[in-house]
PDB file of N, CA and C in Angstrom:
ATOM      1  N   MET A   1      11.134 -13.903  35.874  1.00  0.00           N
ATOM      2  CA  MET A   1      11.579 -12.599  35.431  1.00  0.00           C
ATOM      3  C   MET A   1      11.885 -12.607  33.935  1.00  0.00           C
ATOM      4  N   ILE A   2      12.655 -13.585  33.501  1.00  0.00           N
ATOM      5  CA  ILE A   2      13.039 -13.633  32.090  1.00  0.00           C
ATOM      6  C   ILE A   2      11.827 -13.891  31.212  1.00  0.00           C
ATOM      7  N   SER A   3      10.918 -14.765  31.642  1.00  0.00           N
ATOM      8  CA  SER A   3       9.741 -15.040  30.819  1.00  0.00           C
ATOM      9  C   SER A   3       8.832 -13.818  30.735  1.00  0.00           C
ATOM     10  N   THR A   4       8.770 -13.009  31.791  1.00  0.00           N
ATOM     11  CA  THR A   4       7.972 -11.793  31.771  1.00  0.00           C
ATOM     12  C   THR A   4       8.545 -10.788  30.784  1.00  0.00           C
ATOM     13  N   VAL A   5       9.854 -10.639  30.813  1.00  0.00           N
ATOM     14  CA  VAL A   5      10.514  -9.715  29.888  1.00  0.00           C
ATOM     15  C   VAL A   5      10.326 -10.196  28.453  1.00  0.00           C
ATOM     16  N   THR A   6      10.477 -11.481  28.227  1.00  0.00           N
ATOM     17  CA  THR A   6      10.320 -12.033  26.886  1.00  0.00           C
ATOM     18  C   THR A   6       8.891 -11.844  26.389  1.00  0.00           C
ATOM     19  N   THR A   7       7.911 -12.120  27.219  1.00  0.00           N
ATOM     20  CA  THR A   7       6.515 -11.950  26.828  1.00  0.00           C
ATOM     21  C   THR A   7       6.200 -10.492  26.537  1.00  0.00           C
ATOM     22  N   THR A   8       6.693  -9.611  27.383  1.00  0.00           N
ATOM     23  CA  THR A   8       6.474  -8.178  27.172  1.00  0.00           C
ATOM     24  C   THR A   8       7.143  -7.708  25.887  1.00  0.00           C
ATOM     25  N   THR A   9       8.329  -8.186  25.638  1.00  0.00           N
ATOM     26  CA  THR A   9       9.052  -7.809  24.425  1.00  0.00           C
ATOM     27  C   THR A   9       8.315  -8.287  23.182  1.00  0.00           C
ATOM     28  N   VAL A  10       7.849  -9.524  23.192  1.00  0.00           N
ATOM     29  CA  VAL A  10       7.121 -10.067  22.045  1.00  0.00           C
ATOM     30  C   VAL A  10       5.840  -9.276  21.811  1.00  0.00           C
ATOM     31  N   THR A  11       5.121  -8.955  22.867  1.00  0.00           N
ATOM     32  CA  THR A  11       3.888  -8.177  22.740  1.00  0.00           C
ATOM     33  C   THR A  11       4.172  -6.795  22.161  1.00  0.00           C
ATOM     34  N   THR A  12       5.216  -6.153  22.646  1.00  0.00           N
ATOM     35  CA  THR A  12       5.569  -4.818  22.158  1.00  0.00           C
ATOM     36  C   THR A  12       5.973  -4.852  20.694  1.00  0.00           C
ATOM     37  N   VAL A  13       6.788  -5.804  20.321  1.00  0.00           N
ATOM     38  CA  VAL A  13       7.245  -5.907  18.930  1.00  0.00           C
ATOM     39  C   VAL A  13       6.065  -6.224  18.012  1.00  0.00           C
ATOM     40  N   THR A  14       5.173  -7.101  18.432  1.00  0.00           N
ATOM     41  CA  THR A  14       4.004  -7.449  17.624  1.00  0.00           C
ATOM     42  C   THR A  14       3.105  -6.240  17.429  1.00  0.00           C
ATOM     43  N   THR A  15       2.867  -5.498  18.491  1.00  0.00           N
ATOM     44  CA  THR A  15       2.030  -4.306  18.400  1.00  0.00           C
ATOM     45  C   THR A  15       2.660  -3.265  17.487  1.00  0.00           C
ATOM     46  N   ALA A  16       3.956  -3.062  17.604  1.00  0.00           N
ATOM     47  CA  ALA A  16       4.654  -2.091  16.760  1.00  0.00           C
ATOM     48  C   ALA A  16       4.621  -2.529  15.297  1.00  0.00           C
ATOM     49  N   THR A  17       4.782  -3.814  15.050  1.00  0.00           N
ATOM     50  CA  THR A  17       4.757  -4.330  13.680  1.00  0.00           C
ATOM     51  C   THR A  17       3.388  -4.130  13.050  1.00  0.00           C
ATOM     52  N   ILE A  18       2.337  -4.383  13.807  1.00  0.00           N
ATOM     53  CA  ILE A  18       0.978  -4.200  13.289  1.00  0.00           C
ATOM     54  C   ILE A  18       0.727  -2.729  12.980  1.00  0.00           C
ATOM     55  N   ALA A  19       1.182  -1.839  13.852  1.00  0.00           N
ATOM     56  CA  ALA A  19       0.989  -0.405  13.632  1.00  0.00           C
ATOM     57  C   ALA A  19       1.736   0.070  12.387  1.00  0.00           C
ATOM     58  N   VAL A  20       2.963  -0.375  12.215  1.00  0.00           N
ATOM     59  CA  VAL A  20       3.750   0.009  11.039  1.00  0.00           C
ATOM     60  C   VAL A  20       3.118  -0.569   9.777  1.00  0.00           C
ATOM     61  N   SER A  21       2.653  -1.801   9.846  1.00  0.00           N
ATOM     62  CA  SER A  21       2.009  -2.438   8.704  1.00  0.00           C
ATOM     63  C   SER A  21       0.743  -1.692   8.300  1.00  0.00           C
ATOM     64  N   ALA A  22      -0.051  -1.283   9.273  1.00  0.00           N
ATOM     65  CA  ALA A  22      -1.276  -0.535   8.965  1.00  0.00           C
ATOM     66  C   ALA A  22      -0.938   0.811   8.329  1.00  0.00           C
ATOM     67  N   GLY A  23       0.091   1.464   8.835  1.00  0.00           N
ATOM     68  CA  GLY A  23       0.507   2.747   8.274  1.00  0.00           C
ATOM     69  C   GLY A  23       1.003   2.616   6.846  1.00  0.00           C
ATOM     70  N   LEU A  24       1.786   1.578   6.590  1.00  0.00           N
ATOM     71  CA  LEU A  24       2.292   1.367   5.233  1.00  0.00           C
ATOM     72  C   LEU A  24       1.170   0.977   4.274  1.00  0.00           C
ATOM     73  N   SER A  25       0.218   0.205   4.754  1.00  0.00           N
ATOM     74  CA  SER A  25      -0.932  -0.156   3.920  1.00  0.00           C
ATOM     75  C   SER A  25      -1.709   1.088   3.528  1.00  0.00           C
ATOM     76  N   PHE A  26      -1.966   1.951   4.492  1.00  0.00           N
ATOM     77  CA  PHE A  26      -2.689   3.192   4.219  1.00  0.00           C
ATOM     78  C   PHE A  26      -1.922   4.050   3.222  1.00  0.00           C
ATOM     79  N   LEU A  27      -0.610   4.164   3.400  1.00  0.00           N
ATOM     80  CA  LEU A  27       0.218   4.957   2.497  1.00  0.00           C
ATOM     81  C   LEU A  27       0.199   4.380   1.081  1.00  0.00           C
ATOM     82  N   ALA A  28       0.254   3.064   0.950  1.00  0.00           N
ATOM     83  CA  ALA A  28       0.233   2.432  -0.371  1.00  0.00           C
ATOM     84  C   ALA A  28      -1.101   2.674  -1.080  1.00  0.00           C
ATOM     85  N   ILE A  29      -2.199   2.594  -0.335  1.00  0.00           N
ATOM     86  CA  ILE A  29      -3.515   2.800  -0.942  1.00  0.00           C
ATOM     87  C   ILE A  29      -3.688   4.254  -1.373  1.00  0.00           C
ATOM     88  N   ILE A  30      -3.249   5.190  -0.548  1.00  0.00           N
ATOM     89  CA  ILE A  30      -3.333   6.611  -0.905  1.00  0.00           C
ATOM     90  C   ILE A  30      -2.464   6.894  -2.129  1.00  0.00           C
ATOM     91  N   THR A  31      -1.276   6.312  -2.164  1.00  0.00           N
ATOM     92  CA  THR A  31      -0.386   6.501  -3.318  1.00  0.00           C
ATOM     93  C   THR A  31      -1.030   5.938  -4.585  1.00  0.00           C
ATOM     94  N   LEU A  32      -1.657   4.772  -4.485  1.00  0.00           N
ATOM     95  CA  LEU A  32      -2.346   4.187  -5.633  1.00  0.00           C
ATOM     96  C   LEU A  32      -3.452   5.114  -6.130  1.00  0.00           C
ATOM     97  N   LEU A  33      -4.235   5.650  -5.222  1.00  0.00           N
ATOM     98  CA  LEU A  33      -5.302   6.566  -5.616  1.00  0.00           C
ATOM     99  C   LEU A  33      -4.753   7.809  -6.313  1.00  0.00           C
ATOM    100  N   VAL A  34      -3.689   8.381  -5.766  1.00  0.00           N
ATOM    101  CA  VAL A  34      -3.088   9.581  -6.355  1.00  0.00           C
ATOM    102  C   VAL A  34      -2.544   9.285  -7.752  1.00  0.00           C
ATOM    103  N   VAL A  35      -1.883   8.152  -7.911  1.00  0.00           N
ATOM    104  CA  VAL A  35      -1.312   7.805  -9.214  1.00  0.00           C
ATOM    105  C   VAL A  35      -2.422   7.549 -10.235  1.00  0.00           C
ATOM    106  N   LEU A  36      -3.481   6.841  -9.829  1.00  0.00           N
ATOM    107  CA  LEU A  36      -4.580   6.577 -10.762  1.00  0.00           C
ATOM    108  C   LEU A  36      -5.300   7.862 -11.169  1.00  0.00           C
ATOM    109  N   ILE A  37      -5.521   8.757 -10.226  1.00  0.00           N
ATOM    110  CA  ILE A  37      -6.163  10.036 -10.547  1.00  0.00           C
ATOM    111  C   ILE A  37      -5.269  10.862 -11.469  1.00  0.00           C
ATOM    112  N   SER A  38      -3.975  10.896 -11.160  1.00  0.00           N
ATOM    113  CA  SER A  38      -3.028  11.636 -12.006  1.00  0.00           C
ATOM    114  C   SER A  38      -3.009  11.074 -13.416  1.00  0.00           C
ATOM    115  N   LYS A  39      -3.022   9.758 -13.523  1.00  0.00           N
ATOM    116  CA  LYS A  39      -3.004   9.120 -14.838  1.00  0.00           C
ATOM    117  C   LYS A  39      -4.249   9.486 -15.646  1.00  0.00           C
ATOM    118  N   GLU A  40      -5.404   9.495 -15.011  1.00  0.00           N
ATOM    119  CA  GLU A  40      -6.635   9.853 -15.717  1.00  0.00           C
ATOM    120  C   GLU A  40      -6.614  11.315 -16.169  1.00  0.00           C
ATOM    121  N   VAL A  41      -6.148  12.196 -15.314  1.00  0.00           N
ATOM    122  CA  VAL A  41      -6.096  13.622 -15.663  1.00  0.00           C
ATOM    123  C   VAL A  41      -5.105  13.858 -16.798  1.00  0.00           C
ATOM    124  N   VAL A  42      -3.951  13.234 -16.714  1.00  0.00           N
ATOM    125  CA  VAL A  42      -2.905  13.426 -17.728  1.00  0.00           C
ATOM    126  C   VAL A  42      -3.313  12.794 -19.054  1.00  0.00           C
ATOM    127  N   SER A  43      -3.984  11.648 -19.013  1.00  0.00           N
ATOM    128  CA  SER A  43      -4.327  10.965 -20.263  1.00  0.00           C
ATOM    129  C   SER A  43      -5.430  11.683 -21.041  1.00  0.00           C
ATOM    130  N   ALA A  44      -6.118  12.629 -20.420  1.00  0.00           N
ATOM    131  CA  ALA A  44      -7.161  13.377 -21.120  1.00  0.00           C
ATOM    132  C   ALA A  44      -6.591  14.400 -22.095  1.00  0.00           C
ATOM    133  N   ASP A  45      -5.330  14.747 -21.934  1.00  0.00           N
ATOM    134  CA  ASP A  45      -4.696  15.742 -22.798  1.00  0.00           C
ATOM    135  C   ASP A  45      -4.032  15.048 -23.987  1.00  0.00           C
ATOM    136  N   GLN A  46      -3.909  15.733 -25.089  1.00  0.00           N
ATOM    137  CA  GLN A  46      -3.345  15.159 -26.305  1.00  0.00           C
ATOM    138  C   GLN A  46      -1.875  15.499 -26.535  1.00  0.00           C
ATOM    139  N   ARG A  47      -1.271  16.295 -25.654  1.00  0.00           N
ATOM    140  CA  ARG A  47       0.135  16.670 -25.855  1.00  0.00           C
ATOM    141  C   ARG A  47       1.045  15.442 -25.719  1.00  0.00           C
ATOM    142  N   PRO A  48       2.062  15.352 -26.566  1.00  0.00           N
ATOM    143  CA  PRO A  48       2.955  14.177 -26.547  1.00  0.00           C
ATOM    144  C   PRO A  48       3.666  13.978 -25.201  1.00  0.00           C
ATOM    145  N   ALA A  49       4.066  15.052 -24.566  1.00  0.00           N
ATOM    146  CA  ALA A  49       4.768  14.910 -23.287  1.00  0.00           C
ATOM    147  C   ALA A  49       3.848  14.311 -22.220  1.00  0.00           C
ATOM    148  N   LEU A  50       2.587  14.711 -22.246  1.00  0.00           N
ATOM    149  CA  LEU A  50       1.649  14.174 -21.264  1.00  0.00           C
ATOM    150  C   LEU A  50       1.249  12.734 -21.589  1.00  0.00           C
ATOM    151  N   LYS A  51       1.246  12.382 -22.860  1.00  0.00           N
ATOM    152  CA  LYS A  51       1.000  10.985 -23.227  1.00  0.00           C
ATOM    153  C   LYS A  51       2.137  10.102 -22.730  1.00  0.00           C
ATOM    154  N   THR A  52       3.365  10.613 -22.810  1.00  0.00           N
ATOM    155  CA  THR A  52       4.519   9.877 -22.298  1.00  0.00           C
ATOM    156  C   THR A  52       4.414   9.723 -20.779  1.00  0.00           C
ATOM    157  N   LEU A  53       4.006  10.789 -20.101  1.00  0.00           N
ATOM    158  CA  LEU A  53       3.827  10.719 -18.655  1.00  0.00           C
ATOM    159  C   LEU A  53       2.740   9.718 -18.287  1.00  0.00           C
ATOM    160  N   SER A  54       1.679   9.670 -19.056  1.00  0.00           N
ATOM    161  CA  SER A  54       0.602   8.716 -18.812  1.00  0.00           C
ATOM    162  C   SER A  54       1.104   7.280 -18.916  1.00  0.00           C
ATOM    163  N   ARG A  55       1.931   7.015 -19.920  1.00  0.00           N
ATOM    164  CA  ARG A  55       2.510   5.669 -20.055  1.00  0.00           C
ATOM    165  C   ARG A  55       3.480   5.376 -18.922  1.00  0.00           C
ATOM    166  N   ALA A  56       4.213   6.384 -18.469  1.00  0.00           N
ATOM    167  CA  ALA A  56       5.157   6.185 -17.364  1.00  0.00           C
ATOM    168  C   ALA A  56       4.411   5.894 -16.056  1.00  0.00           C
ATOM    169  N   LEU A  57       3.238   6.486 -15.890  1.00  0.00           N
ATOM    170  CA  LEU A  57       2.464   6.222 -14.676  1.00  0.00           C
ATOM    171  C   LEU A  57       1.949   4.786 -14.641  1.00  0.00           C
ATOM    172  N   ASN A  58       1.836   4.149 -15.801  1.00  0.00           N
ATOM    173  CA  ASN A  58       1.458   2.733 -15.831  1.00  0.00           C
ATOM    174  C   ASN A  58       2.478   1.878 -15.080  1.00  0.00           C
ATOM    175  N   ILE A  59       3.728   2.289 -15.120  1.00  0.00           N
ATOM    176  CA  ILE A  59       4.795   1.549 -14.441  1.00  0.00           C
ATOM    177  C   ILE A  59       4.570   1.566 -12.934  1.00  0.00           C
ATOM    178  N   ALA A  60       4.063   2.661 -12.402  1.00  0.00           N
ATOM    179  CA  ALA A  60       3.815   2.760 -10.966  1.00  0.00           C
ATOM    180  C   ALA A  60       2.524   2.063 -10.566  1.00  0.00           C
ATOM    181  N   VAL A  61       1.570   1.969 -11.479  1.00  0.00           N
ATOM    182  CA  VAL A  61       0.264   1.417 -11.133  1.00  0.00           C
ATOM    183  C   VAL A  61       0.340  -0.088 -10.862  1.00  0.00           C
ATOM    184  N   LEU A  62       1.062  -0.834 -11.664  1.00  0.00           N
ATOM    185  CA  LEU A  62       1.078  -2.288 -11.530  1.00  0.00           C
ATOM    186  C   LEU A  62       1.566  -2.766 -10.160  1.00  0.00           C
ATOM    187  N   PRO A  63       2.717  -2.314  -9.658  1.00  0.00           N
ATOM    188  CA  PRO A  63       3.131  -2.779  -8.326  1.00  0.00           C
ATOM    189  C   PRO A  63       2.179  -2.314  -7.223  1.00  0.00           C
ATOM    190  N   LEU A  64       1.625  -1.112  -7.376  1.00  0.00           N
ATOM    191  CA  LEU A  64       0.685  -0.633  -6.360  1.00  0.00           C
ATOM    192  C   LEU A  64      -0.604  -1.441  -6.376  1.00  0.00           C
ATOM    193  N   LEU A  65      -1.084  -1.827  -7.552  1.00  0.00           N
ATOM    194  CA  LEU A  65      -2.270  -2.680  -7.629  1.00  0.00           C
ATOM    195  C   LEU A  65      -2.000  -4.055  -7.035  1.00  0.00           C
ATOM    196  N   THR A  66      -0.804  -4.574  -7.274  1.00  0.00           N
ATOM    197  CA  THR A  66      -0.427  -5.855  -6.682  1.00  0.00           C
ATOM    198  C   THR A  66      -0.408  -5.755  -5.163  1.00  0.00           C
ATOM    199  N   GLY A  67       0.165  -4.668  -4.664  1.00  0.00           N
ATOM    200  CA  GLY A  67       0.181  -4.449  -3.218  1.00  0.00           C
ATOM    201  C   GLY A  67      -1.223  -4.293  -2.656  1.00  0.00           C
ATOM    202  N   PHE A  68      -2.082  -3.586  -3.369  1.00  0.00           N
ATOM    203  CA  PHE A  68      -3.464  -3.413  -2.926  1.00  0.00           C
ATOM    204  C   PHE A  68      -4.185  -4.754  -2.868  1.00  0.00           C
ATOM    205  N   ALA A  69      -3.988  -5.592  -3.878  1.00  0.00           N
ATOM    206  CA  ALA A  69      -4.624  -6.914  -3.892  1.00  0.00           C
ATOM    207  C   ALA A  69      -4.133  -7.754  -2.712  1.00  0.00           C
ATOM    208  N   LEU A  70      -2.855  -7.672  -2.419  1.00  0.00           N
ATOM    209  CA  LEU A  70      -2.290  -8.407  -1.286  1.00  0.00           C
ATOM    210  C   LEU A  70      -2.858  -7.899   0.037  1.00  0.00           C
ATOM    211  N   ILE A  71      -2.937  -6.588   0.186  1.00  0.00           N
ATOM    212  CA  ILE A  71      -3.502  -5.994   1.404  1.00  0.00           C
ATOM    213  C   ILE A  71      -4.956  -6.420   1.572  1.00  0.00           C
ATOM    214  N   ALA A  72      -5.728  -6.355   0.496  1.00  0.00           N
ATOM    215  CA  ALA A  72      -7.138  -6.744   0.556  1.00  0.00           C
ATOM    216  C   ALA A  72      -7.287  -8.218   0.911  1.00  0.00           C
ATOM    217  N   ALA A  73      -6.463  -9.070   0.333  1.00  0.00           N
ATOM    218  CA  ALA A  73      -6.527 -10.503   0.624  1.00  0.00           C
ATOM    219  C   ALA A  73      -6.206 -10.778   2.089  1.00  0.00           C
ATOM    220  N   ILE A  74      -5.193 -10.116   2.602  1.00  0.00           N
ATOM    221  CA  ILE A  74      -4.816 -10.292   4.007  1.00  0.00           C
ATOM    222  C   ILE A  74      -5.931  -9.840   4.931  1.00  0.00           C
ATOM    223  N   LYS A  75      -6.541  -8.697   4.619  1.00  0.00           N
ATOM    224  CA  LYS A  75      -7.637  -8.187   5.452  1.00  0.00           C
ATOM    225  C   LYS A  75      -8.837  -9.138   5.423  1.00  0.00           C
ATOM    226  N   VAL A  76      -9.162  -9.686   4.257  1.00  0.00           N
ATOM    227  CA  VAL A  76     -10.268 -10.636   4.158  1.00  0.00           C
ATOM    228  C   VAL A  76      -9.960 -11.892   4.967  1.00  0.00           C
ATOM    229  N   LEU A  77      -8.742 -12.384   4.868  1.00  0.00           N
ATOM    230  CA  LEU A  77      -8.362 -13.572   5.642  1.00  0.00           C
ATOM    231  C   LEU A  77      -8.401 -13.298   7.142  1.00  0.00           C
ATOM    232  N   GLN A  78      -8.029 -12.096   7.566  1.00  0.00           N
ATOM    233  CA  GLN A  78      -8.108 -11.751   8.981  1.00  0.00           C
ATOM    234  C   GLN A  78      -9.554 -11.735   9.463  1.00  0.00           C
ATOM    235  N   VAL A  79     -10.464 -11.263   8.626  1.00  0.00           N
ATOM    236  CA  VAL A  79     -11.873 -11.227   9.013  1.00  0.00           C
ATOM    237  C   VAL A  79     -12.445 -12.634   9.089  1.00  0.00           C
ATOM    238  N   LEU A  80     -12.047 -13.495   8.179  1.00  0.00           N
ATOM    239  CA  LEU A  80     -12.580 -14.861   8.135  1.00  0.00           C
ATOM    240  C   LEU A  80     -12.071 -15.746   9.274  1.00  0.00           C
ATOM    241  N   GLN A  81     -10.979 -15.389   9.887  1.00  0.00           N
ATOM    242  CA  GLN A  81     -10.437 -16.219  10.973  1.00  0.00           C
ATOM    243  C   GLN A  81     -11.179 -16.027  12.253  1.00  0.00           C
TER     244      GLN A  81
END
């Protein structure tokens, strides 16, 4: 009885973790795309306020790119296993 409950619990937690991880990965990639598109649109203008916004968007791009690289590496490793 206890081993059945433990196995079921582990399976449920693992499945929930994978689902949450996939959702967060998708959200991070969409956010990266939105920030990169916004940065390109804003950087096309010459107004000083928009140039400042373009530089501020650089701050958001670096962690999102790092997260994207990590997500891509994990997915490649999952395929190779």
